[in-house]
């Protein structure tokens, strides 16, 4: 790493803009990953398959968007910078589409309503992934020197859990008191207004005088999707494989978590807020020290420990119906998942070439988002349909999730330790070949 990059500082204004964008972006994602699913179960059908379809389709859209729009942002040459235009426009339209989502409940034909739920979620995901996954993540990698990358990841994960805390507590109370429509309208307005204001505060140097890329856009896309590049970079491939397996384990149960607590365990949303709040507050408190720990401790050792303890948390969560124990075991599960997220993302960013971060963060989306969110919920809905509790909504039949989804998720998470054992002792020097 060059000395000037190593000594680069991040201004307070940049930290604040980063935090605001991270919080509203992660709030939108947290709602999409939980309340969208609950909305479908409450307002359209209790069948778990549409949730799996929605999660899988949006994951594919998010991945392709990150690849194509991330590559475009790498190649952008403008006086506003590379990433800022994508962040600004993306956040603005992201909020608009979030506000449109509940209108699907007004459609009388269930099949058409399911189709529109999937379609609107995908459009919303396109704008969100353009703004957050492709541009915002690449921008944070651009501005953070390697010796500060752990604390940047710590801040981003802290913002993630602040957003999730709002999603699991204030969101539930607002939905209970005002209903889904008011909730989604309010969320859409927050994402658009705060996202646009914070985006305008980004200080990104002009890129209009940078040399034009030597290769064409489609050549870069082709190279990016050439997985022989990954196979030649053993450490990068193994880190991505670890992220994929752990992500599948997480997604087996997570899309159905809110439904499990409120419908299967018959707890009110206020009780779910206690469980989610304890999990998220504890994990948020851990985020910053874990960011510093990721800079000091061997990446491999921290990865293995966090995966093992996270799997233990999954399993214990499935074995109780006690509110306090659910909160404690959920904290172990999510807290250790936070540790894994921080160390794996910091590790991954260490290995990315500076000139192609947007492109390779798109590749990360294949392993961290698309594959887990296609296979995880598919496994989860199959388990629910086989072992779940029958339920109905009007004339629509379905099933409620049961503890086996957490048990299977725990075992899959443990399998992520296997590629971890194959990685040589961490060294900050290896870089992926661009």
Protein backbone atom coordinates (compact mmCIF):
# COMPACT_ATOMS: atom_id res chain seq x y z
CA UNK A 1 0.00 0.00 0.00
CA UNK A 2 1.32 3.39 -0.92
CA UNK A 3 2.24 5.73 1.93
CA UNK A 4 -0.11 8.54 0.92
CA UNK A 5 -3.00 6.08 0.82
CA UNK A 6 -1.98 4.61 4.17
CA UNK A 7 -1.98 8.06 5.80
CA UNK A 8 -5.17 9.33 4.15
CA UNK A 9 -7.66 10.81 6.64
CA UNK A 10 -11.45 10.83 6.51
CA UNK A 11 -13.16 14.13 7.35
CA UNK A 12 -16.01 14.45 9.86
CA UNK A 13 -18.37 15.56 7.10
CA UNK A 14 -17.53 12.40 5.16
CA UNK A 15 -18.04 10.21 8.24
CA UNK A 16 -21.48 11.82 8.79
CA UNK A 17 -22.54 11.42 5.16
CA UNK A 18 -21.32 7.84 5.20
CA UNK A 19 -23.26 7.12 8.38
CA UNK A 20 -26.50 8.70 7.13
CA UNK A 21 -26.38 6.85 3.81
CA UNK A 22 -25.54 3.59 5.56
CA UNK A 23 -28.40 3.92 8.05
CA UNK A 24 -31.19 4.78 5.59
CA UNK A 25 -29.89 2.28 3.05
CA UNK A 26 -29.68 -0.51 5.59
CA UNK A 27 -33.08 0.49 6.99
CA UNK A 28 -34.59 -0.03 3.53
CA UNK A 29 -32.80 -3.39 3.18
CA UNK A 30 -33.79 -4.47 6.71
CA UNK A 31 -37.44 -3.78 5.95
CA UNK A 32 -37.22 -5.56 2.62
CA UNK A 33 -35.65 -8.59 4.29
CA UNK A 34 -38.26 -8.83 7.06
CA UNK A 35 -41.42 -6.72 6.79
CA UNK A 36 -41.83 -7.31 3.05
CA UNK A 37 -42.04 -11.03 3.89
CA UNK A 38 -44.43 -10.46 6.78
CA UNK A 39 -46.54 -8.19 4.55
CA UNK A 40 -46.89 -10.99 1.97
CA UNK A 41 -47.85 -13.52 4.67
CA UNK A 42 -50.35 -11.14 6.34
CA UNK A 43 -51.90 -9.45 3.31
CA UNK A 44 -51.59 -11.84 0.36
CA UNK A 45 -50.92 -15.53 1.19
CA UNK A 46 -49.44 -17.70 4.00
CA UNK A 47 -47.80 -19.96 1.41
CA UNK A 48 -43.99 -19.70 2.04
CA UNK A 49 -43.13 -20.13 -1.65
CA UNK A 50 -43.88 -16.54 -2.78
CA UNK A 51 -41.48 -15.29 -0.10
CA UNK A 52 -38.77 -17.59 -1.43
CA UNK A 53 -39.50 -16.44 -4.99
CA UNK A 54 -39.39 -12.77 -4.00
CA UNK A 55 -36.14 -13.17 -2.06
CA UNK A 56 -34.49 -15.16 -4.86
CA UNK A 57 -35.62 -12.84 -7.68
CA UNK A 58 -34.51 -9.69 -5.85
CA UNK A 59 -31.15 -11.33 -5.06
CA UNK A 60 -30.54 -12.06 -8.75
CA UNK A 61 -31.49 -8.47 -9.64
CA UNK A 62 -29.25 -7.10 -6.89
CA UNK A 63 -26.32 -9.16 -8.13
CA UNK A 64 -26.68 -8.30 -11.80
CA UNK A 65 -27.23 -4.65 -10.92
CA UNK A 66 -24.08 -4.58 -8.81
CA UNK A 67 -22.04 -6.11 -11.61
CA UNK A 68 -23.33 -3.94 -14.46
CA UNK A 69 -23.76 -0.69 -12.53
CA UNK A 70 -20.58 -1.25 -10.49
CA UNK A 71 -18.59 -1.63 -13.70
CA UNK A 72 -20.27 1.47 -15.12
CA UNK A 73 -19.32 3.48 -12.01
CA UNK A 74 -15.69 2.30 -12.30
CA UNK A 75 -15.65 3.65 -15.85
CA UNK A 76 -17.52 6.91 -15.15
CA UNK A 77 -15.59 10.09 -15.88
CA UNK A 78 -17.44 13.18 -14.64
CA UNK A 79 -16.82 16.36 -12.69
CA UNK A 80 -19.10 14.95 -9.95
CA UNK A 81 -16.87 11.89 -9.49
CA UNK A 82 -17.35 8.19 -10.17
CA UNK A 83 -19.81 7.11 -7.49
CA UNK A 84 -21.75 10.22 -6.41
CA UNK A 85 -24.16 10.38 -9.40
CA UNK A 86 -25.19 6.75 -8.89
CA UNK A 87 -25.65 7.20 -5.15
CA UNK A 88 -27.71 10.38 -5.54
CA UNK A 89 -30.11 9.12 -8.22
CA UNK A 90 -30.30 5.61 -6.79
CA UNK A 91 -31.29 6.68 -3.28
CA UNK A 92 -33.92 9.06 -4.61
CA UNK A 93 -35.75 6.42 -6.65
CA UNK A 94 -35.17 3.68 -4.06
CA UNK A 95 -37.46 5.47 -1.62
CA UNK A 96 -40.12 6.06 -4.25
CA UNK A 97 -40.37 2.36 -5.10
CA UNK A 98 -40.48 1.42 -1.41
CA UNK A 99 -43.57 3.62 -1.01
CA UNK A 100 -45.22 1.93 -4.02
CA UNK A 101 -44.78 -1.62 -2.67
CA UNK A 102 -47.92 -1.89 -0.41
CA UNK A 103 -50.21 -1.04 -3.34
CA UNK A 104 -49.88 -4.71 -4.32
CA UNK A 105 -52.35 -5.52 -1.51
CA UNK A 106 -55.09 -3.72 -3.43
CA UNK A 107 -54.94 -6.30 -6.24
CA UNK A 108 -57.82 -8.77 -5.87
CA UNK A 109 -56.39 -11.72 -7.83
CA UNK A 110 -53.82 -13.47 -5.61
CA UNK A 111 -51.68 -14.75 -8.50
CA UNK A 112 -51.44 -11.25 -10.00
CA UNK A 113 -50.69 -9.77 -6.57
CA UNK A 114 -47.82 -12.24 -6.08
CA UNK A 115 -46.44 -11.38 -9.52
CA UNK A 116 -46.56 -7.65 -8.76
CA UNK A 117 -44.97 -8.15 -5.33
CA UNK A 118 -42.01 -9.86 -7.00
CA UNK A 119 -41.83 -7.29 -9.83
CA UNK A 120 -41.97 -4.17 -7.61
CA UNK A 121 -39.47 -5.67 -5.19
CA UNK A 122 -37.11 -6.27 -8.11
CA UNK A 123 -37.45 -2.68 -9.42
CA UNK A 124 -36.87 -1.31 -5.92
CA UNK A 125 -33.88 -3.62 -5.57
CA UNK A 126 -32.41 -2.31 -8.85
CA UNK A 127 -32.30 1.26 -7.54
CA UNK A 128 -31.19 0.19 -4.07
CA UNK A 129 -28.42 -2.02 -5.37
CA UNK A 130 -27.24 0.66 -7.78
CA UNK A 131 -27.04 3.19 -4.95
CA UNK A 132 -25.82 1.00 -2.11
CA UNK A 133 -24.24 -2.25 -3.28
CA UNK A 134 -22.54 -0.95 -6.42
CA UNK A 135 -21.73 2.72 -5.76
CA UNK A 136 -21.80 3.30 -1.99
CA UNK A 137 -19.74 0.21 -1.10
CA UNK A 138 -17.18 1.03 -3.80
CA UNK A 139 -17.03 4.64 -2.53
CA UNK A 140 -16.31 3.49 1.04
CA UNK A 141 -13.53 1.26 -0.30
CA UNK A 142 -12.16 4.16 -2.38
CA UNK A 143 -11.89 6.53 0.55
CA UNK A 144 -10.68 4.14 3.29
CA UNK A 145 -6.97 3.33 3.58
CA UNK A 146 -6.20 -0.28 4.49
CA UNK A 147 -5.17 0.55 8.06
CA UNK A 148 -8.60 2.18 8.69
CA UNK A 149 -10.70 -0.34 6.78
CA UNK A 150 -11.64 -2.32 9.88
CA UNK A 151 -13.09 0.74 11.62
CA UNK A 152 -14.97 1.79 8.47
CA UNK A 153 -16.51 -1.70 8.38
CA UNK A 154 -17.24 -1.34 12.09
CA UNK A 155 -19.11 1.94 11.48
CA UNK A 156 -21.03 0.44 8.55
CA UNK A 157 -22.06 -2.56 10.63
CA UNK A 158 -22.99 -0.27 13.53
CA UNK A 159 -25.24 1.65 11.11
CA UNK A 160 -26.62 -1.67 9.85
CA UNK A 161 -27.78 -2.61 13.31
CA UNK A 162 -29.11 0.85 14.15
CA UNK A 163 -31.22 0.49 11.00
CA UNK A 164 -32.29 -3.02 11.94
CA UNK A 165 -33.13 -1.91 15.47
CA UNK A 166 -35.45 0.73 14.03
CA UNK A 167 -36.89 -1.89 11.67
CA UNK A 168 -37.60 -4.40 14.42
CA UNK A 169 -38.89 -1.96 17.07
CA UNK A 170 -40.26 1.34 15.78
CA UNK A 171 -41.37 -0.26 12.51
CA UNK A 172 -43.39 -2.91 14.32
CA UNK A 173 -45.07 -0.36 16.56
CA UNK A 174 -45.92 1.89 13.60
CA UNK A 175 -47.38 -1.04 11.65
CA UNK A 176 -49.46 -2.13 14.66
CA UNK A 177 -50.84 1.37 15.20
CA UNK A 178 -51.09 2.80 11.67
CA UNK A 179 -50.92 -0.17 9.30
CA UNK A 180 -48.63 -1.20 6.46
CA UNK A 181 -49.54 1.63 4.08
CA UNK A 182 -48.56 4.49 6.40
CA UNK A 183 -45.40 2.60 7.35
CA UNK A 184 -44.18 2.08 3.78
CA UNK A 185 -45.07 5.65 2.76
CA UNK A 186 -43.06 7.01 5.72
CA UNK A 187 -40.10 4.74 5.01
CA UNK A 188 -40.03 5.72 1.34
CA UNK A 189 -39.99 9.41 2.24
CA UNK A 190 -37.15 8.91 4.75
CA UNK A 191 -34.98 7.00 2.28
CA UNK A 192 -35.49 9.55 -0.50
CA UNK A 193 -35.09 12.75 1.55
CA UNK A 194 -32.17 11.71 3.77
CA UNK A 195 -30.52 9.77 0.95
CA UNK A 196 -30.54 12.75 -1.42
CA UNK A 197 -29.39 15.24 1.23
CA UNK A 198 -26.53 12.99 2.40
CA UNK A 199 -25.51 12.17 -1.17
CA UNK A 200 -25.09 15.85 -1.91
CA UNK A 201 -22.60 16.09 0.98
CA UNK A 202 -20.26 13.51 -0.51
CA UNK A 203 -16.89 15.01 -1.36
CA UNK A 204 -15.59 12.96 -4.25
CA UNK A 205 -12.82 14.21 -6.53
CA UNK A 206 -13.63 14.83 -10.17
CA UNK A 207 -12.87 11.89 -12.42
CA UNK A 208 -13.33 13.67 -15.76
CA UNK A 209 -9.56 14.00 -16.32
CA UNK A 210 -8.68 10.42 -15.39
CA UNK A 211 -7.43 8.23 -18.26
CA UNK A 212 -10.21 6.47 -20.11
CA UNK A 213 -10.42 2.69 -19.58
CA UNK A 214 -8.35 0.72 -22.05
CA UNK A 215 -10.96 -2.02 -22.39
CA UNK A 216 -14.57 -1.69 -23.46
CA UNK A 217 -17.44 -2.01 -21.00
CA UNK A 218 -18.44 -5.43 -22.32
CA UNK A 219 -14.86 -6.69 -22.27
CA UNK A 220 -14.69 -5.84 -18.57
CA UNK A 221 -18.05 -7.52 -17.92
CA UNK A 222 -16.82 -10.63 -19.75
CA UNK A 223 -13.62 -10.72 -17.74
CA UNK A 224 -15.53 -10.21 -14.52
CA UNK A 225 -17.77 -13.20 -15.20
CA UNK A 226 -14.75 -15.33 -16.14
CA UNK A 227 -14.41 -17.39 -12.99
CA UNK A 228 -10.98 -18.64 -14.02
CA UNK A 229 -9.74 -15.32 -12.60
CA UNK A 230 -11.11 -16.30 -9.21
CA UNK A 231 -9.71 -19.82 -9.43
CA UNK A 232 -6.25 -18.33 -10.05
CA UNK A 233 -6.61 -16.32 -6.84
CA UNK A 234 -7.01 -19.02 -4.23
CA UNK A 235 -7.40 -16.75 -1.21
CA UNK A 236 -10.09 -14.58 -2.81
CA UNK A 237 -12.02 -17.62 -4.04
CA UNK A 238 -11.93 -19.30 -0.62
CA UNK A 239 -13.04 -16.12 1.18
CA UNK A 240 -15.98 -15.82 -1.23
CA UNK A 241 -16.82 -19.51 -0.75
CA UNK A 242 -16.88 -19.06 3.03
CA UNK A 243 -19.20 -16.06 2.63
CA UNK A 244 -21.51 -18.10 0.36
CA UNK A 245 -21.88 -21.12 2.64
CA UNK A 246 -22.39 -18.98 5.75
CA UNK A 247 -24.92 -16.86 3.83
CA UNK A 248 -26.93 -19.92 2.76
CA UNK A 249 -27.08 -21.04 6.39
CA UNK A 250 -28.33 -17.61 7.44
CA UNK A 251 -30.95 -17.36 4.69
CA UNK A 252 -32.51 -20.76 5.43
CA UNK A 253 -34.27 -19.23 8.43
CA UNK A 254 -33.90 -15.44 8.36
CA UNK A 255 -36.66 -14.63 5.79
CA UNK A 256 -39.10 -16.51 8.03
CA UNK A 257 -37.82 -15.26 11.42
CA UNK A 258 -40.46 -12.57 11.97
CA UNK A 259 -43.25 -14.96 10.93
CA UNK A 260 -41.83 -17.67 13.24
CA UNK A 261 -41.83 -15.45 16.33
CA UNK A 262 -45.18 -13.71 15.78
CA UNK A 263 -47.21 -16.51 14.17
CA UNK A 264 -45.64 -19.83 15.17
CA UNK A 265 -44.72 -18.84 18.74
CA UNK A 266 -47.86 -16.64 18.99
CA UNK A 267 -45.93 -13.68 20.40
CA UNK A 268 -47.13 -10.11 19.82
CA UNK A 269 -44.99 -7.78 17.73
CA UNK A 270 -43.99 -6.01 20.96
CA UNK A 271 -42.37 -9.27 22.17
CA UNK A 272 -40.60 -9.63 18.85
CA UNK A 273 -39.31 -6.09 19.36
CA UNK A 274 -37.80 -7.20 22.70
CA UNK A 275 -36.06 -10.16 21.04
CA UNK A 276 -34.94 -8.20 18.00
CA UNK A 277 -33.96 -5.19 20.11
CA UNK A 278 -31.76 -7.26 22.42
CA UNK A 279 -30.13 -9.00 19.48
CA UNK A 280 -29.50 -5.80 17.60
CA UNK A 281 -28.46 -3.51 20.45
CA UNK A 282 -25.96 -6.10 21.64
CA UNK A 283 -24.62 -6.62 18.14
CA UNK A 284 -24.42 -2.86 17.51
CA UNK A 285 -22.42 -2.40 20.72
CA UNK A 286 -20.05 -5.10 19.52
CA UNK A 287 -19.67 -3.66 16.00
CA UNK A 288 -17.07 -0.95 16.67
CA UNK A 289 -14.74 -3.05 18.88
CA UNK A 290 -15.07 -5.91 16.40
CA UNK A 291 -13.96 -3.51 13.67
CA UNK A 292 -10.78 -2.73 15.62
CA UNK A 293 -10.34 -6.42 16.43
CA UNK A 294 -10.52 -7.24 12.71
CA UNK A 295 -7.47 -4.99 12.22
CA UNK A 296 -5.45 -6.69 14.96
CA UNK A 297 -6.41 -10.38 15.01
CA UNK A 298 -5.65 -13.08 12.45
CA UNK A 299 -8.52 -13.02 9.92
CA UNK A 300 -8.70 -16.81 9.69
CA UNK A 301 -8.94 -17.41 13.45
CA UNK A 302 -11.63 -14.75 13.90
CA UNK A 303 -13.61 -16.18 10.98
CA UNK A 304 -13.62 -19.73 12.36
CA UNK A 305 -14.52 -18.63 15.89
CA UNK A 306 -17.36 -16.35 14.74
CA UNK A 307 -18.86 -19.05 12.48
CA UNK A 308 -18.79 -21.70 15.21
CA UNK A 309 -20.39 -19.43 17.82
CA UNK A 310 -22.96 -18.13 15.35
CA UNK A 311 -24.02 -21.71 14.53
CA UNK A 312 -24.35 -22.43 18.25
CA UNK A 313 -26.62 -19.40 18.57
CA UNK A 314 -28.83 -20.63 15.68
CA UNK A 315 -29.24 -24.03 17.30
CA UNK A 316 -29.99 -22.74 20.81
CA UNK A 317 -32.50 -20.23 19.40
CA UNK A 318 -34.51 -23.14 17.98
CA UNK A 319 -34.63 -24.98 21.31
CA UNK A 320 -36.59 -22.47 23.42
CA UNK A 321 -39.82 -20.49 23.48
CA UNK A 322 -38.81 -18.35 26.47
CA UNK A 323 -38.66 -14.63 25.58
CA UNK A 324 -35.45 -13.91 27.55
CA UNK A 325 -33.63 -17.00 26.25
CA UNK A 326 -34.70 -16.22 22.69
CA UNK A 327 -33.18 -12.76 23.10
CA UNK A 328 -29.92 -14.12 24.59
CA UNK A 329 -29.47 -16.90 22.05
CA UNK A 330 -30.46 -14.51 19.26
CA UNK A 331 -27.75 -12.13 20.46
CA UNK A 332 -25.16 -14.91 20.28
CA UNK A 333 -26.36 -15.82 16.78
CA UNK A 334 -26.49 -12.29 15.40
CA UNK A 335 -23.53 -10.92 17.36
CA UNK A 336 -21.21 -13.58 16.01
CA UNK A 337 -22.71 -13.13 12.57
CA UNK A 338 -21.72 -9.47 12.90
CA UNK A 339 -18.16 -10.48 13.74
CA UNK A 340 -18.09 -12.69 10.67
CA UNK A 341 -19.55 -9.95 8.43
CA UNK A 342 -16.94 -7.42 9.58
CA UNK A 343 -13.89 -9.65 9.23
CA UNK A 344 -14.97 -11.19 5.92
CA UNK A 345 -15.75 -7.82 4.30
CA UNK A 346 -12.51 -6.26 5.56
CA UNK A 347 -10.63 -9.33 4.30
CA UNK A 348 -12.33 -9.14 0.93
CA UNK A 349 -11.61 -5.43 0.47
CA UNK A 350 -7.94 -6.10 1.27
CA UNK A 351 -7.82 -8.31 -1.82
CA UNK A 352 -9.57 -6.00 -4.31
CA UNK A 353 -7.64 -4.02 -6.96
CA UNK A 354 -8.14 -0.26 -6.47
CA UNK A 355 -9.01 0.36 -10.13
CA UNK A 356 -11.77 -2.26 -10.25
CA UNK A 357 -13.43 -2.27 -6.83
CA UNK A 358 -16.90 -1.65 -8.25
CA UNK A 359 -16.60 -4.62 -10.60
CA UNK A 360 -15.27 -7.04 -8.02
CA UNK A 361 -17.81 -5.95 -5.42
CA UNK A 362 -20.28 -7.08 -8.05
CA UNK A 363 -18.64 -10.51 -8.07
CA UNK A 364 -18.96 -10.49 -4.29
CA UNK A 365 -22.72 -10.07 -4.74
CA UNK A 366 -22.89 -13.41 -6.58
CA UNK A 367 -21.36 -15.15 -3.58
CA UNK A 368 -22.69 -13.01 -0.71
CA UNK A 369 -26.21 -12.26 -1.94
CA UNK A 370 -27.43 -14.15 -5.01
CA UNK A 371 -26.38 -17.72 -4.18
CA UNK A 372 -27.33 -17.52 -0.47
CA UNK A 373 -30.68 -15.84 -1.18
CA UNK A 374 -31.58 -18.28 -3.95
CA UNK A 375 -30.61 -21.50 -2.17
CA UNK A 376 -31.23 -20.50 1.48
CA UNK A 377 -34.94 -19.52 1.27
CA UNK A 378 -35.57 -22.39 -1.16
CA UNK A 379 -34.26 -24.85 1.43
CA UNK A 380 -36.24 -23.00 4.11
CA UNK A 381 -39.58 -23.07 2.27
CA UNK A 382 -39.12 -26.77 1.42
CA UNK A 383 -38.55 -27.54 5.12
CA UNK A 384 -41.58 -25.42 6.09
CA UNK A 385 -43.85 -27.10 3.54
CA UNK A 386 -42.67 -30.54 4.70
CA UNK A 387 -42.63 -29.99 8.48
CA UNK A 388 -44.50 -26.70 9.07
CA UNK A 389 -47.79 -25.96 10.81
CA UNK A 390 -50.77 -25.65 8.38
CA UNK A 391 -52.28 -22.14 8.20
CA UNK A 392 -54.85 -20.25 6.11
CA UNK A 393 -55.50 -16.64 5.07
CA UNK A 394 -59.01 -16.44 3.68
CA UNK A 395 -59.06 -19.16 1.04
CA UNK A 396 -55.27 -19.28 0.73
CA UNK A 397 -53.52 -22.23 2.42
CA UNK A 398 -49.93 -22.36 3.63
CA UNK A 399 -47.61 -23.36 6.46
CA UNK A 400 -45.94 -21.64 9.41
CA UNK A 401 -42.17 -22.06 9.97
CA UNK A 402 -40.90 -24.45 12.67
CA UNK A 403 -37.55 -24.85 14.55
CA UNK A 404 -35.99 -27.17 11.97
CA UNK A 405 -35.16 -24.18 9.74
CA UNK A 406 -32.79 -22.86 12.44
CA UNK A 407 -31.24 -26.28 13.08
CA UNK A 408 -30.50 -26.83 9.38
CA UNK A 409 -29.17 -23.26 9.11
CA UNK A 410 -26.77 -23.96 11.98
CA UNK A 411 -25.36 -27.10 10.35
CA UNK A 412 -24.87 -25.35 7.00
CA UNK A 413 -23.04 -22.50 8.77
CA UNK A 414 -20.62 -25.00 10.33
CA UNK A 415 -19.71 -26.25 6.84
CA UNK A 416 -18.31 -22.76 6.10
CA UNK A 417 -15.47 -23.57 8.49
CA UNK A 418 -14.11 -26.20 6.06
CA UNK A 419 -12.84 -23.73 3.39
CA UNK A 420 -11.62 -21.50 6.25
CA UNK A 421 -9.22 -24.28 7.27
CA UNK A 422 -7.80 -24.37 3.74
CA UNK A 423 -6.68 -20.73 3.76
CA UNK A 424 -3.04 -20.08 4.50
CA UNK A 425 -2.19 -17.74 7.37
CA UNK A 426 -3.48 -14.27 6.52
CA UNK A 427 -1.13 -11.90 4.77
CA UNK A 428 -2.23 -8.41 3.63
CA UNK A 429 -0.16 -8.55 0.46
CA UNK A 430 -2.07 -10.85 -1.96
CA UNK A 431 -4.27 -8.99 -4.42
CA UNK A 432 -6.68 -10.36 -6.97
CA UNK A 433 -5.48 -10.13 -10.56
CA UNK A 434 -7.65 -7.56 -12.30
